[in-house]
Amino acid sequence: MKSINTILDSVYEEMVEIRRHLHMYPELSFQEVETPRFIAAFHRTLGHDVRESVGGRGVVATLKGGKPGKTVALRADFDALPIQEQNDVDYKSKVAGVMHACGHDGHTATLLGVAKALNAIKEDVEGTIVFIHQHAEEMQPGGAINMIEDGCLEGVDVIFGTHLWATAPLGEILYKEGPLTAAADRFEMKIMGRGGHGAQPHLTRDSIVIASQIVVNLQHIVSRRVDPLHEAVVSIGSFEAGNAFNVIADTVQLKGTVRTFNKEIQKLIEEEIEQIVKGLCIAHKAEYSLNYVHGYPATVNHKAETEQLAKSAATVKEVSVVRETVAQMGGEDFSYYLEQIPGTFFFTGAQCSDRTETYPHHHPKFDFDEKAMLIAAKTLTQVTLDYLKVQNQMVVVQETR
C-alpha cells in the first residue's frame, strides 16, 4: 500500500491546478457562489458526505474512517479581497478588482488535496475527519461564527488549521501556544463642529482641528494607559473632511482599528477612546457620534494540540524548521472554533524564492511558493493521523486498566 506522503506527492500537481483555477476566479466575502460549488463537487466525487450553504456559504464534508476513533476537523477559508492584481502570471485574476491576495486559494487547494489523499487510505483511518471550507474570513462578522451556529463542529473533538505565510521561508512551520493573532476591533466616529470660511476661523468650531487632536491623543492610550507588558495597537486608517481649500469643515469622519490579546486591555482601550473623544468635543463645544465594533476575538491555541502539531511537523521530510513564533496583530476568525473546542492554528512558510522582493499579504503583488501547499498538506495530514492514533492508544490503555 502506498504511504500517505507518496499519495500526497501524487496529488500535488492537482492541488496546483485547483489553486490556479481558484486564483483566476476569486469571489469576495459573502458573495461566494462558484467556489463553494466547486468544493462540494470535488468532495462528492470522493464519496464524502457533503453539506452546502452551512452558515450561509460554507461547505462541510465528512470522511468516515474504516476504524473507530475521535473526530478531527480541518479548516480552510476560500474568500478573496477587493484588490486589483498586479502580478504578471498565467493564473492572474480574471475578475476586475478582486484578487486572492491572502492565500485562501492555496488553503482550499491544500485541504482538497488532503481530502483526496486521506480518502485513498480511509479504511486505515482511525476515526472521522471533517473538512470545514469556510467563507468570508476577510470580512466581519466572518463565516466561522455562522458555520458554528449551523453545526459544523457538532461531534468534533479537535480542530487544526494553517495559514500559508508568504513572509516566512519555505520549509518552516511556525507554531505558538496561547495567543497567536489579536482581537481585531474597529471603530467609526463623526466629529460635528460648525463649518465656515477659512478666513474666519473664530466664527467656526473647527472639526478638522478637533479631530486632529483626537488622533494625537489616541496615541497616548497605548503609550501611557496600557501596561507596557501588554501588547496593543490603536490606529486611525481613515480621516475624511472633503472640503475646498478655503472652507473649514463642518464634519469629519474617522475610522480606525484596535488590536489586543487581553480582554481587560480591550475594555480599557474602548473606554479610553470614548473619554478622549467626549472630553475634546466638550472642550471645543462640538458634538460626536462613536460606534465601536468588537471584531474577531484573539486566536488562542491550546497547549496539548499545539505540542502535538510541533511534534508531528518535525517528522515531515520537507519541513526544515519547526519553531515557535511571536504573536501577530492581524485578526483571524479561526479564533471562534478554538473558543468551542481544543485545537491549534499555525503558519506554513511560503516565501517565493524566485522573487527579489517579498510582498506581504493583502498586497496587489502578493503571491506564494506553491510548494508550501504540499508541506502544509503533509503537516495537516500528519498531525491528524498522529492525533487519532494517540487518542486510540489512550482508549486502549484505559480499557486494559
Protein backbone atom coordinates (compact mmCIF):
# COMPACT_ATOMS: atom_id res chain seq x y z
CA MET A 1 0.00 0.00 0.00
CA LYS A 2 1.28 3.47 -0.83
CA SER A 3 2.23 5.71 2.08
CA ILE A 4 0.13 8.80 2.71
CA ASN A 5 3.07 11.03 1.80
CA THR A 6 3.53 9.27 -1.52
CA ILE A 7 -0.15 9.81 -2.23
CA LEU A 8 0.14 13.49 -1.35
CA ASP A 9 3.12 13.79 -3.68
CA SER A 10 1.00 12.36 -6.49
CA VAL A 11 -1.84 14.79 -5.69
CA TYR A 12 0.38 17.87 -5.64
CA GLU A 13 0.02 18.78 -9.32
CA GLU A 14 -3.75 18.65 -8.98
CA MET A 15 -3.50 20.93 -5.96
CA VAL A 16 -1.59 23.44 -8.09
CA GLU A 17 -4.23 23.24 -10.83
CA ILE A 18 -7.02 23.82 -8.29
CA ARG A 19 -5.19 26.73 -6.70
CA ARG A 20 -4.62 28.45 -10.04
CA HIS A 21 -8.22 27.90 -11.11
CA LEU A 22 -9.49 29.45 -7.88
CA HIS A 23 -6.98 32.27 -8.20
CA MET A 24 -8.29 33.19 -11.64
CA TYR A 25 -11.91 33.27 -10.45
CA PRO A 26 -11.87 34.85 -6.97
CA GLU A 27 -15.02 35.75 -5.07
CA LEU A 28 -15.47 38.32 -2.33
CA SER A 29 -16.61 37.60 1.22
CA PHE A 30 -20.30 36.72 1.48
CA GLN A 31 -20.52 36.72 -2.32
CA GLU A 32 -19.02 33.27 -2.91
CA VAL A 33 -21.11 31.17 -5.31
CA GLU A 34 -18.96 29.18 -7.72
CA THR A 35 -16.17 28.46 -5.23
CA PRO A 36 -18.35 26.53 -2.76
CA ARG A 37 -19.99 24.68 -5.67
CA PHE A 38 -16.55 23.63 -6.89
CA ILE A 39 -15.55 22.46 -3.41
CA ALA A 40 -18.75 20.50 -2.84
CA ALA A 41 -18.49 18.78 -6.23
CA PHE A 42 -14.89 17.76 -5.52
CA HIS A 43 -15.84 16.11 -2.24
CA ARG A 44 -18.82 14.36 -3.78
CA THR A 45 -16.56 12.71 -6.35
CA LEU A 46 -14.67 11.25 -3.39
CA GLY A 47 -17.88 9.90 -1.88
CA HIS A 48 -17.83 12.15 1.17
CA ASP A 49 -20.96 13.29 2.95
CA VAL A 50 -21.39 16.93 1.95
CA ARG A 51 -23.38 19.82 3.41
CA GLU A 52 -23.65 23.05 1.44
CA SER A 53 -24.77 26.53 2.48
CA VAL A 54 -23.53 25.91 6.01
CA GLY A 55 -23.84 29.16 7.94
CA GLY A 56 -24.53 30.94 4.66
CA ARG A 57 -22.00 29.85 2.02
CA GLY A 58 -19.77 27.35 3.81
CA VAL A 59 -19.21 23.71 2.85
CA VAL A 60 -18.67 20.82 5.27
CA ALA A 61 -17.57 17.40 4.04
CA THR A 62 -17.11 14.31 6.18
CA LEU A 63 -14.86 11.29 5.70
CA LYS A 64 -15.63 8.33 7.94
CA GLY A 65 -12.60 6.18 8.51
CA GLY A 66 -12.63 2.40 8.44
CA LYS A 67 -11.76 2.21 12.13
CA PRO A 68 -13.42 3.79 15.18
CA GLY A 69 -11.91 6.85 16.80
CA LYS A 70 -12.18 10.53 17.52
CA THR A 71 -13.30 13.23 15.08
CA VAL A 72 -10.81 15.75 13.72
CA ALA A 73 -11.83 18.91 11.86
CA LEU A 74 -9.56 20.63 9.35
CA ARG A 75 -10.46 24.14 8.22
CA ALA A 76 -9.61 26.22 5.14
CA ASP A 77 -11.06 29.58 4.07
CA PHE A 78 -11.84 30.47 0.46
CA ASP A 79 -12.81 34.14 0.09
CA ALA A 80 -10.80 36.79 -1.77
CA LEU A 81 -10.16 40.52 -1.37
CA PRO A 82 -11.24 43.71 -3.22
CA ILE A 83 -7.78 44.28 -4.72
CA GLN A 84 -6.73 44.71 -8.35
CA GLU A 85 -3.97 42.17 -9.02
CA GLN A 86 -0.66 43.48 -10.37
CA ASN A 87 1.12 40.15 -10.86
CA ASP A 88 2.08 39.12 -14.39
CA VAL A 89 1.36 35.40 -14.18
CA ASP A 90 -0.60 32.92 -16.29
CA TYR A 91 -3.12 32.44 -13.49
CA LYS A 92 -3.74 36.15 -12.87
CA SER A 93 -7.21 37.04 -11.61
CA LYS A 94 -9.79 37.41 -14.36
CA VAL A 95 -12.17 39.33 -12.10
CA ALA A 96 -11.59 43.07 -12.13
CA GLY A 97 -10.83 44.49 -8.70
CA VAL A 98 -10.87 41.11 -6.96
CA MET A 99 -7.84 39.03 -6.02
CA HIS A 100 -6.73 36.17 -3.81
CA ALA A 101 -4.19 38.32 -2.01
CA CYS A 102 -4.03 36.32 1.21
CA GLY A 103 -3.52 32.75 0.06
CA HIS A 104 -7.03 31.43 0.62
CA ASP A 105 -6.95 29.82 -2.81
CA GLY A 106 -3.91 27.88 -1.60
CA HIS A 107 -5.64 26.96 1.66
CA THR A 108 -8.56 25.48 -0.24
CA ALA A 109 -6.39 23.59 -2.71
CA THR A 110 -4.34 22.23 0.17
CA LEU A 111 -7.35 20.94 2.06
CA LEU A 112 -8.83 19.35 -1.06
CA GLY A 113 -5.52 17.60 -1.63
CA VAL A 114 -5.55 16.36 1.96
CA ALA A 115 -9.11 15.12 1.49
CA LYS A 116 -8.21 13.17 -1.64
CA ALA A 117 -5.14 11.60 -0.03
CA LEU A 118 -6.94 10.60 3.17
CA ASN A 119 -9.81 9.21 1.14
CA ALA A 120 -7.32 6.88 -0.55
CA ILE A 121 -6.46 5.32 2.83
CA LYS A 122 -9.83 5.78 4.52
CA GLU A 123 -10.06 2.12 5.56
CA ASP A 124 -7.00 2.66 7.75
CA VAL A 125 -8.14 5.97 9.23
CA GLU A 126 -8.85 5.59 12.94
CA GLY A 127 -11.75 7.98 13.26
CA THR A 128 -13.66 10.64 11.34
CA ILE A 129 -12.36 13.69 9.55
CA VAL A 130 -14.48 16.78 8.95
CA PHE A 131 -13.34 19.22 6.25
CA ILE A 132 -14.59 22.73 7.02
CA HIS A 133 -14.44 25.01 3.99
CA GLN A 134 -15.22 28.45 5.33
CA HIS A 135 -16.48 31.50 3.51
CA ALA A 136 -15.95 35.15 4.46
CA GLU A 137 -12.88 35.08 6.69
CA GLU A 138 -11.83 38.52 5.46
CA MET A 139 -14.96 40.45 6.43
CA GLN A 140 -16.61 40.76 9.83
CA PRO A 141 -18.63 39.14 11.26
CA GLY A 142 -16.87 36.39 9.29
CA GLY A 143 -18.07 32.99 8.24
CA ALA A 144 -16.78 30.94 11.17
CA ILE A 145 -19.30 32.07 13.75
CA ASN A 146 -22.25 31.39 11.42
CA MET A 147 -20.91 27.97 10.45
CA ILE A 148 -20.51 27.06 14.12
CA GLU A 149 -24.08 28.14 14.81
CA ASP A 150 -25.13 25.93 11.89
CA GLY A 151 -23.48 22.88 13.48
CA CYS A 152 -20.15 22.50 11.69
CA LEU A 153 -18.46 21.48 14.96
CA GLU A 154 -21.08 19.01 16.13
CA GLY A 155 -19.34 15.83 17.26
CA VAL A 156 -15.89 17.27 16.55
CA ASP A 157 -13.20 16.66 19.19
CA VAL A 158 -10.34 18.81 17.88
CA ILE A 159 -9.58 21.24 15.06
CA PHE A 160 -6.43 22.14 13.14
CA GLY A 161 -5.80 24.85 10.58
CA THR A 162 -2.92 26.58 8.86
CA HIS A 163 -2.20 29.82 7.03
CA LEU A 164 0.30 29.92 4.18
CA TRP A 165 2.70 32.59 5.40
CA ALA A 166 4.36 34.33 2.48
CA THR A 167 6.79 36.29 4.64
CA ALA A 168 8.34 33.17 6.23
CA PRO A 169 10.84 30.94 4.37
CA LEU A 170 9.59 27.86 2.58
CA GLY A 171 10.04 24.77 4.73
CA GLU A 172 9.30 26.46 8.04
CA ILE A 173 6.39 25.60 10.32
CA LEU A 174 5.62 28.34 12.84
CA TYR A 175 3.58 27.50 15.92
CA LYS A 176 2.69 29.17 19.21
CA GLU A 177 0.86 28.04 22.30
CA GLY A 178 -1.59 30.62 23.62
CA PRO A 179 -2.44 33.87 21.77
CA LEU A 180 -1.36 33.78 18.12
CA THR A 181 -3.45 36.51 16.46
CA ALA A 182 -5.11 39.51 18.07
CA ALA A 183 -8.67 40.55 18.68
CA ALA A 184 -9.46 42.83 15.74
CA ASP A 185 -11.91 45.60 16.64
CA ARG A 186 -12.87 48.63 14.59
CA PHE A 187 -14.43 51.97 15.34
CA GLU A 188 -16.02 54.84 13.44
CA MET A 189 -16.63 58.33 14.73
CA LYS A 190 -18.09 61.56 13.43
CA ILE A 191 -16.98 64.91 14.82
CA MET A 192 -19.62 67.57 14.25
CA GLY A 193 -18.46 71.17 14.70
CA ARG A 194 -19.59 74.24 12.81
CA GLY A 195 -18.12 75.00 9.42
CA GLY A 196 -17.36 78.30 7.84
CA HIS A 197 -14.95 80.40 5.84
CA GLY A 198 -11.27 79.61 6.17
CA ALA A 199 -10.56 83.31 6.66
CA GLN A 200 -12.90 83.49 9.67
CA PRO A 201 -11.97 80.56 11.94
CA HIS A 202 -13.17 82.44 15.04
CA LEU A 203 -16.75 82.01 13.80
CA THR A 204 -16.43 78.23 13.47
CA ARG A 205 -15.92 75.16 15.58
CA ASP A 206 -13.20 73.60 13.50
CA SER A 207 -13.94 69.87 13.24
CA ILE A 208 -10.60 69.21 11.49
CA VAL A 209 -8.61 70.70 14.36
CA ILE A 210 -10.73 68.85 16.91
CA ALA A 211 -10.39 65.56 15.02
CA SER A 212 -6.64 66.09 14.67
CA GLN A 213 -6.34 66.49 18.43
CA ILE A 214 -8.32 63.30 18.87
CA VAL A 215 -5.92 61.39 16.58
CA VAL A 216 -2.91 62.64 18.55
CA ASN A 217 -4.48 61.89 21.92
CA LEU A 218 -5.48 58.38 20.88
CA GLN A 219 -1.78 57.59 20.58
CA HIS A 220 -1.40 58.22 24.31
CA ILE A 221 -3.64 55.26 25.13
CA VAL A 222 -1.09 52.59 24.27
CA SER A 223 1.96 54.59 25.38
CA ARG A 224 0.52 55.90 28.67
CA ARG A 225 -2.59 53.97 29.69
CA VAL A 226 -1.77 50.37 28.73
CA ASP A 227 0.68 48.34 30.82
CA PRO A 228 3.90 48.08 28.71
CA LEU A 229 3.87 44.31 29.31
CA HIS A 230 0.62 44.01 27.34
CA GLU A 231 0.57 44.33 23.54
CA ALA A 232 -1.94 46.70 21.99
CA VAL A 233 -2.44 48.79 18.86
CA VAL A 234 -4.68 51.78 18.17
CA SER A 235 -4.55 53.03 14.58
CA ILE A 236 -6.54 55.54 12.54
CA GLY A 237 -6.93 54.36 8.97
CA SER A 238 -9.30 56.96 7.55
CA PHE A 239 -9.68 60.74 8.09
CA GLU A 240 -12.23 62.43 5.86
CA ALA A 241 -13.39 66.04 5.69
CA GLY A 242 -13.60 66.66 1.96
CA ASN A 243 -13.99 70.42 1.62
CA ALA A 244 -12.43 73.12 -0.56
CA PHE A 245 -9.11 74.66 0.45
CA ASN A 246 -10.74 77.73 1.97
CA VAL A 247 -13.62 76.05 3.78
CA ILE A 248 -13.49 74.89 7.40
CA ALA A 249 -15.22 71.54 7.58
CA ASP A 250 -18.49 71.17 9.41
CA THR A 251 -17.95 67.42 9.91
CA VAL A 252 -15.04 64.98 9.99
CA GLN A 253 -15.29 61.20 9.89
CA LEU A 254 -12.61 58.96 11.39
CA LYS A 255 -12.21 55.19 11.12
CA GLY A 256 -9.71 53.04 12.92
CA THR A 257 -8.82 49.71 14.47
CA VAL A 258 -7.84 48.35 17.89
CA ARG A 259 -5.78 45.18 18.29
CA THR A 260 -5.39 43.41 21.65
CA PHE A 261 -4.83 39.98 23.19
CA ASN A 262 -6.17 40.68 26.67
CA LYS A 263 -9.91 41.30 27.22
CA GLU A 264 -9.30 43.72 30.09
CA ILE A 265 -6.98 45.79 27.91
CA GLN A 266 -9.56 45.65 25.13
CA LYS A 267 -12.19 47.06 27.50
CA LEU A 268 -9.79 49.72 28.80
CA ILE A 269 -9.00 50.97 25.28
CA GLU A 270 -12.65 51.11 24.31
CA GLU A 271 -13.42 53.22 27.38
CA GLU A 272 -10.39 55.47 26.84
CA ILE A 273 -11.40 56.20 23.24
CA GLU A 274 -14.83 57.29 24.42
CA GLN A 275 -13.38 59.52 27.13
CA ILE A 276 -10.89 61.21 24.80
CA VAL A 277 -13.49 61.94 22.13
CA LYS A 278 -16.09 63.10 24.63
CA GLY A 279 -13.65 65.32 26.52
CA LEU A 280 -12.23 67.09 23.49
CA CYS A 281 -15.67 67.65 21.97
CA ILE A 282 -16.92 69.15 25.23
CA ALA A 283 -13.86 71.40 25.39
CA HIS A 284 -14.48 72.68 21.86
CA LYS A 285 -18.29 72.74 22.04
CA ALA A 286 -18.64 70.14 19.32
CA GLU A 287 -20.79 67.04 19.09
CA TYR A 288 -19.81 63.49 18.17
CA SER A 289 -21.06 60.01 17.44
CA LEU A 290 -18.93 56.93 18.11
CA ASN A 291 -19.51 53.34 17.06
CA TYR A 292 -17.11 50.74 18.48
CA VAL A 293 -17.48 47.25 16.99
CA HIS A 294 -15.95 44.15 18.55
CA GLY A 295 -14.41 42.04 15.79
CA TYR A 296 -12.85 38.61 15.87
CA PRO A 297 -11.53 37.62 19.30
CA ALA A 298 -7.90 36.69 19.79
CA THR A 299 -6.88 33.29 18.40
CA VAL A 300 -5.69 31.32 21.43
CA ASN A 301 -4.08 27.95 20.71
CA HIS A 302 -4.44 25.06 23.14
CA LYS A 303 -1.36 23.57 24.77
CA ALA A 304 -1.67 19.83 24.07
CA GLU A 305 -2.76 20.27 20.47
CA THR A 306 0.00 22.80 19.78
CA GLU A 307 2.59 20.43 21.20
CA GLN A 308 1.21 17.64 19.02
CA LEU A 309 1.38 19.86 15.95
CA ALA A 310 5.03 20.76 16.60
CA LYS A 311 5.91 17.11 17.17
CA SER A 312 4.11 15.93 14.03
CA ALA A 313 5.54 18.70 11.85
CA ALA A 314 9.06 17.69 12.83
CA THR A 315 8.51 14.29 11.18
CA VAL A 316 7.60 15.78 7.76
CA LYS A 317 10.58 15.41 5.44
CA GLU A 318 10.02 18.70 3.61
CA VAL A 319 9.87 20.68 6.86
CA SER A 320 13.31 22.12 7.56
CA VAL A 321 12.47 24.21 10.62
CA VAL A 322 9.79 23.92 13.30
CA ARG A 323 9.91 26.98 15.51
CA GLU A 324 7.83 28.92 17.97
CA THR A 325 6.76 32.25 16.52
CA VAL A 326 5.68 35.55 18.02
CA ALA A 327 2.06 36.64 18.16
CA GLN A 328 0.67 38.59 15.21
CA MET A 329 -1.51 41.68 15.43
CA GLY A 330 -3.58 40.53 12.47
CA GLY A 331 -7.05 39.09 13.06
CA GLU A 332 -8.29 35.59 12.20
CA ASP A 333 -11.75 34.15 12.83
CA PHE A 334 -10.33 30.67 13.42
CA SER A 335 -10.49 32.07 16.96
CA TYR A 336 -14.20 31.21 17.16
CA TYR A 337 -13.51 27.50 16.62
CA LEU A 338 -10.90 27.49 19.39
CA GLU A 339 -13.38 29.05 21.79
CA GLN A 340 -15.56 25.97 21.29
CA ILE A 341 -13.15 23.03 21.10
CA PRO A 342 -9.42 22.27 21.53
CA GLY A 343 -7.09 22.82 18.60
CA THR A 344 -4.33 24.91 17.13
CA PHE A 345 -3.66 27.23 14.22
CA PHE A 346 -0.20 27.53 12.70
CA PHE A 347 1.70 29.20 9.88
CA THR A 348 3.33 27.38 6.95
CA GLY A 349 6.27 29.25 5.40
CA ALA A 350 5.52 30.08 1.77
CA GLN A 351 8.00 32.76 0.73
CA CYS A 352 8.72 32.90 -3.00
CA SER A 353 12.39 32.07 -3.51
CA ASP A 354 12.41 33.26 -7.14
CA ARG A 355 11.42 36.86 -6.30
CA THR A 356 13.80 39.67 -5.42
CA GLU A 357 11.15 41.25 -3.20
CA THR A 358 8.65 39.64 -0.86
CA TYR A 359 5.22 41.24 -0.94
CA PRO A 360 3.07 41.00 2.18
CA HIS A 361 -0.43 39.62 2.46
CA HIS A 362 -3.15 41.92 1.05
CA HIS A 363 -0.70 43.46 -1.44
CA PRO A 364 -1.56 43.67 -5.20
CA LYS A 365 1.62 41.69 -5.97
CA PHE A 366 1.13 39.07 -3.26
CA ASP A 367 1.98 35.50 -4.20
CA PHE A 368 3.40 32.41 -2.52
CA ASP A 369 5.55 29.41 -3.37
CA GLU A 370 3.10 26.67 -4.34
CA LYS A 371 5.38 24.02 -2.84
CA ALA A 372 4.18 25.32 0.50
CA MET A 373 0.80 23.70 -0.21
CA LEU A 374 2.41 20.27 -0.23
CA ILE A 375 4.22 21.00 3.03
CA ALA A 376 1.01 22.28 4.60
CA ALA A 377 -0.91 19.25 3.33
CA LYS A 378 1.65 16.81 4.74
CA THR A 379 1.74 18.61 8.07
CA LEU A 380 -2.06 18.73 8.41
CA THR A 381 -2.33 15.08 7.42
CA GLN A 382 0.43 14.03 9.79
CA VAL A 383 -1.00 15.83 12.81
CA THR A 384 -4.45 14.41 12.02
CA LEU A 385 -3.28 10.82 11.84
CA ASP A 386 -0.97 11.22 14.84
CA TYR A 387 -3.75 12.72 16.93
CA LEU A 388 -6.16 9.90 16.06
CA LYS A 389 -3.52 7.27 16.80
CA VAL A 390 -2.61 8.79 20.17
CA GLN A 391 -6.26 9.10 21.19
CA ASN A 392 -6.97 5.47 20.26
CA GLN A 393 -3.92 4.32 22.22
CA MET A 394 -5.19 6.22 25.24
CA VAL A 395 -8.54 4.45 24.94
CA VAL A 396 -6.82 1.04 24.77
CA VAL A 397 -4.75 1.83 27.86
CA GLN A 398 -7.83 2.94 29.79
CA GLU A 399 -9.74 -0.19 28.79
CA THR A 400 -6.92 -2.50 29.90
CA ARG A 401 -6.65 -0.99 33.37
